[in-house]
Amino acid sequence: MDFEITIEDLDRKIAARPGVTLLAALLSGGIPFAYSCESGNCGACKCKLVRGEVDGLVYSEQALSAQESSKGVILACRSRLRSDVTIRRLAW
């Protein structure tokens, strides 16, 4: 069963296969999205998780602080979907 990703600031929705990162799903769905290292070290792919659940993979605290994380900010490259999600891009 695919998950649905809603990109709030673009008013778009795409399907994503289970097990892929949010970033991989966005890029394969043709969504313009800022990224660089794809390993959780740079923070370029930060976005706001508005609704839904993700599994967070290991990342550098230099890329995403505990304070940001507590406000729902995630790294798209280090987040695997656990449900349908709604996100808001922070940069692009």
N, C-alpha and C. Protein backbone atom coordinates (compact mmCIF):
# COMPACT_ATOMS: atom_id res chain seq x y z
N MET A 1 0.83 -1.18 0.00
CA MET A 1 0.00 0.00 0.00
C MET A 1 0.88 1.25 0.00
N ASP A 2 0.66 2.14 -0.93
CA ASP A 2 1.40 3.39 -1.00
C ASP A 2 0.87 4.38 0.03
N PHE A 3 1.75 5.28 0.43
CA PHE A 3 1.36 6.40 1.29
C PHE A 3 1.16 7.62 0.41
N GLU A 4 0.41 8.58 0.92
CA GLU A 4 0.18 9.83 0.20
C GLU A 4 0.91 10.95 0.91
N ILE A 5 1.68 11.71 0.13
CA ILE A 5 2.37 12.89 0.65
C ILE A 5 1.66 14.12 0.11
N THR A 6 1.23 14.99 1.00
CA THR A 6 0.65 16.26 0.61
C THR A 6 1.68 17.34 0.89
N ILE A 7 1.98 18.14 -0.13
CA ILE A 7 2.92 19.25 0.03
C ILE A 7 2.08 20.51 0.14
N GLU A 8 1.95 20.98 1.37
CA GLU A 8 1.01 22.04 1.71
C GLU A 8 1.25 23.32 0.92
N ASP A 9 2.48 23.77 0.84
CA ASP A 9 2.75 25.05 0.18
C ASP A 9 2.63 24.98 -1.34
N LEU A 10 2.55 23.78 -1.90
CA LEU A 10 2.37 23.62 -3.35
C LEU A 10 0.96 23.16 -3.70
N ASP A 11 0.20 22.78 -2.68
CA ASP A 11 -1.14 22.23 -2.90
C ASP A 11 -1.08 21.06 -3.88
N ARG A 12 -0.11 20.14 -3.62
CA ARG A 12 0.07 18.95 -4.46
C ARG A 12 0.13 17.71 -3.61
N LYS A 13 -0.20 16.60 -4.23
CA LYS A 13 -0.13 15.30 -3.56
C LYS A 13 0.58 14.32 -4.48
N ILE A 14 1.39 13.44 -3.85
CA ILE A 14 2.06 12.38 -4.61
C ILE A 14 1.99 11.09 -3.80
N ALA A 15 2.16 9.99 -4.47
CA ALA A 15 2.20 8.68 -3.81
C ALA A 15 3.65 8.31 -3.52
N ALA A 16 3.84 7.55 -2.44
CA ALA A 16 5.19 7.12 -2.06
C ALA A 16 5.15 5.67 -1.62
N ARG A 17 6.13 4.90 -2.08
CA ARG A 17 6.24 3.50 -1.68
C ARG A 17 6.74 3.40 -0.24
N PRO A 18 6.26 2.44 0.50
CA PRO A 18 6.79 2.22 1.85
C PRO A 18 8.28 1.91 1.79
N GLY A 19 9.02 2.36 2.79
CA GLY A 19 10.44 2.06 2.88
C GLY A 19 11.37 3.08 2.25
N VAL A 20 10.83 4.01 1.47
CA VAL A 20 11.69 5.04 0.88
C VAL A 20 11.69 6.27 1.78
N THR A 21 12.74 7.07 1.65
CA THR A 21 12.76 8.31 2.43
C THR A 21 11.81 9.32 1.81
N LEU A 22 11.42 10.26 2.62
CA LEU A 22 10.56 11.34 2.15
C LEU A 22 11.22 12.07 0.99
N LEU A 23 12.51 12.34 1.11
CA LEU A 23 13.23 13.04 0.04
C LEU A 23 13.19 12.26 -1.26
N ALA A 24 13.47 10.96 -1.20
CA ALA A 24 13.45 10.13 -2.41
C ALA A 24 12.07 10.15 -3.05
N ALA A 25 11.03 10.07 -2.25
CA ALA A 25 9.67 10.09 -2.78
C ALA A 25 9.35 11.43 -3.44
N LEU A 26 9.75 12.52 -2.79
CA LEU A 26 9.49 13.85 -3.35
C LEU A 26 10.20 14.04 -4.68
N LEU A 27 11.46 13.67 -4.73
CA LEU A 27 12.23 13.85 -5.97
C LEU A 27 11.70 12.96 -7.09
N SER A 28 11.36 11.71 -6.77
CA SER A 28 10.83 10.84 -7.82
C SER A 28 9.44 11.28 -8.27
N GLY A 29 8.74 12.02 -7.41
CA GLY A 29 7.43 12.56 -7.77
C GLY A 29 7.51 13.89 -8.49
N GLY A 30 8.73 14.36 -8.77
CA GLY A 30 8.89 15.60 -9.53
C GLY A 30 8.69 16.87 -8.70
N ILE A 31 8.79 16.76 -7.39
CA ILE A 31 8.59 17.92 -6.52
C ILE A 31 9.93 18.64 -6.35
N PRO A 32 10.00 19.95 -6.65
CA PRO A 32 11.23 20.69 -6.42
C PRO A 32 11.49 20.76 -4.91
N PHE A 33 12.66 20.32 -4.49
CA PHE A 33 12.96 20.25 -3.06
C PHE A 33 14.44 20.46 -2.84
N ALA A 34 14.79 21.33 -1.90
CA ALA A 34 16.20 21.61 -1.59
C ALA A 34 16.82 20.42 -0.87
N TYR A 35 18.03 20.06 -1.29
CA TYR A 35 18.78 19.01 -0.61
C TYR A 35 20.24 19.11 -1.05
N SER A 36 21.12 18.42 -0.30
CA SER A 36 22.52 18.42 -0.67
C SER A 36 23.16 17.07 -0.36
N CYS A 37 23.41 16.79 0.92
CA CYS A 37 24.23 15.63 1.27
C CYS A 37 23.48 14.29 1.25
N GLU A 38 22.20 14.29 1.47
CA GLU A 38 21.36 13.09 1.54
C GLU A 38 21.76 12.14 2.66
N SER A 39 22.54 12.62 3.64
CA SER A 39 22.96 11.75 4.74
C SER A 39 22.72 12.35 6.12
N GLY A 40 21.96 13.44 6.19
CA GLY A 40 21.61 14.02 7.47
C GLY A 40 22.69 14.87 8.10
N ASN A 41 23.57 15.42 7.28
CA ASN A 41 24.66 16.24 7.82
C ASN A 41 24.54 17.73 7.51
N CYS A 42 23.77 18.10 6.49
CA CYS A 42 23.79 19.51 6.07
C CYS A 42 22.55 20.31 6.48
N GLY A 43 21.41 19.69 6.57
CA GLY A 43 20.19 20.39 6.95
C GLY A 43 19.46 21.08 5.81
N ALA A 44 19.94 20.92 4.58
CA ALA A 44 19.30 21.61 3.45
C ALA A 44 17.87 21.14 3.19
N CYS A 45 17.55 19.91 3.58
CA CYS A 45 16.22 19.34 3.27
C CYS A 45 15.23 19.43 4.43
N LYS A 46 15.44 20.40 5.32
CA LYS A 46 14.50 20.57 6.44
C LYS A 46 13.12 20.90 5.92
N CYS A 47 12.13 20.33 6.56
CA CYS A 47 10.74 20.66 6.25
C CYS A 47 9.93 20.48 7.52
N LYS A 48 8.74 21.01 7.50
CA LYS A 48 7.83 20.92 8.65
C LYS A 48 6.88 19.76 8.43
N LEU A 49 6.83 18.84 9.39
CA LEU A 49 5.86 17.75 9.36
C LEU A 49 4.58 18.29 9.98
N VAL A 50 3.58 18.54 9.14
CA VAL A 50 2.32 19.12 9.59
C VAL A 50 1.39 18.05 10.14
N ARG A 51 1.32 16.92 9.45
CA ARG A 51 0.49 15.78 9.87
C ARG A 51 1.17 14.49 9.48
N GLY A 52 0.88 13.43 10.25
CA GLY A 52 1.38 12.11 9.91
C GLY A 52 2.57 11.71 10.75
N GLU A 53 3.12 10.53 10.43
CA GLU A 53 4.23 9.98 11.20
C GLU A 53 5.34 9.50 10.28
N VAL A 54 6.57 9.72 10.74
CA VAL A 54 7.75 9.24 10.03
C VAL A 54 8.68 8.56 11.02
N ASP A 55 9.50 7.66 10.52
CA ASP A 55 10.60 7.10 11.29
C ASP A 55 11.83 7.93 10.98
N GLY A 56 12.44 8.50 12.00
CA GLY A 56 13.64 9.30 11.80
C GLY A 56 14.88 8.43 11.83
N LEU A 57 15.71 8.56 10.82
CA LEU A 57 16.98 7.86 10.76
C LEU A 57 18.05 8.73 11.43
N VAL A 58 19.21 8.19 11.65
CA VAL A 58 20.29 8.91 12.33
C VAL A 58 20.71 10.13 11.50
N TYR A 59 20.92 11.24 12.20
CA TYR A 59 21.37 12.47 11.55
C TYR A 59 22.25 13.26 12.52
N SER A 60 22.95 14.24 11.99
CA SER A 60 23.81 15.10 12.79
C SER A 60 22.99 16.19 13.47
N GLU A 61 23.27 16.46 14.74
CA GLU A 61 22.56 17.52 15.44
C GLU A 61 22.93 18.89 14.88
N GLN A 62 24.01 18.96 14.11
CA GLN A 62 24.35 20.21 13.43
C GLN A 62 23.36 20.49 12.30
N ALA A 63 22.77 19.43 11.75
CA ALA A 63 21.81 19.58 10.66
C ALA A 63 20.41 19.90 11.17
N LEU A 64 20.07 19.36 12.35
CA LEU A 64 18.73 19.55 12.91
C LEU A 64 18.86 19.55 14.43
N SER A 65 18.57 20.68 15.04
CA SER A 65 18.70 20.80 16.50
C SER A 65 17.52 20.14 17.21
N ALA A 66 17.70 19.85 18.46
CA ALA A 66 16.62 19.29 19.28
C ALA A 66 15.45 20.26 19.36
N GLN A 67 15.74 21.55 19.41
CA GLN A 67 14.69 22.57 19.46
C GLN A 67 13.85 22.55 18.17
N GLU A 68 14.52 22.47 17.03
CA GLU A 68 13.79 22.39 15.75
C GLU A 68 12.94 21.13 15.70
N SER A 69 13.52 20.03 16.09
CA SER A 69 12.81 18.75 16.07
C SER A 69 11.57 18.81 16.96
N SER A 70 11.68 19.46 18.11
CA SER A 70 10.53 19.56 19.02
C SER A 70 9.39 20.39 18.42
N LYS A 71 9.70 21.19 17.40
CA LYS A 71 8.68 22.01 16.73
C LYS A 71 8.16 21.35 15.46
N GLY A 72 8.53 20.07 15.24
CA GLY A 72 8.01 19.33 14.09
C GLY A 72 8.83 19.44 12.83
N VAL A 73 10.01 20.01 12.92
CA VAL A 73 10.89 20.10 11.75
C VAL A 73 11.61 18.76 11.61
N ILE A 74 11.68 18.27 10.39
CA ILE A 74 12.35 16.99 10.10
C ILE A 74 13.30 17.17 8.93
N LEU A 75 14.18 16.21 8.75
CA LEU A 75 15.04 16.15 7.57
C LEU A 75 14.41 15.17 6.60
N ALA A 76 14.07 15.62 5.42
CA ALA A 76 13.42 14.75 4.43
C ALA A 76 14.30 13.56 4.05
N CYS A 77 15.62 13.75 4.06
CA CYS A 77 16.53 12.67 3.66
C CYS A 77 16.65 11.60 4.74
N ARG A 78 16.25 11.89 5.95
CA ARG A 78 16.40 10.95 7.07
C ARG A 78 15.05 10.57 7.66
N SER A 79 13.99 10.67 6.88
CA SER A 79 12.63 10.37 7.35
C SER A 79 11.96 9.36 6.43
N ARG A 80 11.58 8.23 7.01
CA ARG A 80 10.82 7.22 6.27
C ARG A 80 9.37 7.28 6.71
N LEU A 81 8.48 7.22 5.74
CA LEU A 81 7.04 7.36 6.03
C LEU A 81 6.50 6.18 6.83
N ARG A 82 5.66 6.49 7.81
CA ARG A 82 4.91 5.47 8.56
C ARG A 82 3.42 5.61 8.30
N SER A 83 3.02 6.69 7.63
CA SER A 83 1.61 6.96 7.35
C SER A 83 1.55 7.99 6.22
N ASP A 84 0.34 8.34 5.82
CA ASP A 84 0.17 9.49 4.94
C ASP A 84 0.70 10.71 5.71
N VAL A 85 1.33 11.64 5.01
CA VAL A 85 1.87 12.82 5.68
C VAL A 85 1.52 14.08 4.91
N THR A 86 1.52 15.18 5.64
CA THR A 86 1.45 16.52 5.06
C THR A 86 2.69 17.26 5.53
N ILE A 87 3.38 17.86 4.58
CA ILE A 87 4.59 18.62 4.91
C ILE A 87 4.50 20.03 4.34
N ARG A 88 5.36 20.88 4.86
CA ARG A 88 5.52 22.24 4.32
C ARG A 88 7.02 22.44 4.07
N ARG A 89 7.38 22.80 2.85
CA ARG A 89 8.79 23.07 2.56
C ARG A 89 9.24 24.33 3.29
N LEU A 90 10.46 24.31 3.80
CA LEU A 90 11.01 25.50 4.47
C LEU A 90 11.96 26.26 3.56
N ALA A 91 12.51 25.58 2.58
CA ALA A 91 13.43 26.21 1.62
C ALA A 91 13.33 25.43 0.30
N TRP A 92 13.65 26.11 -0.80
CA TRP A 92 13.70 25.42 -2.10
C TRP A 92 14.41 26.24 -3.14
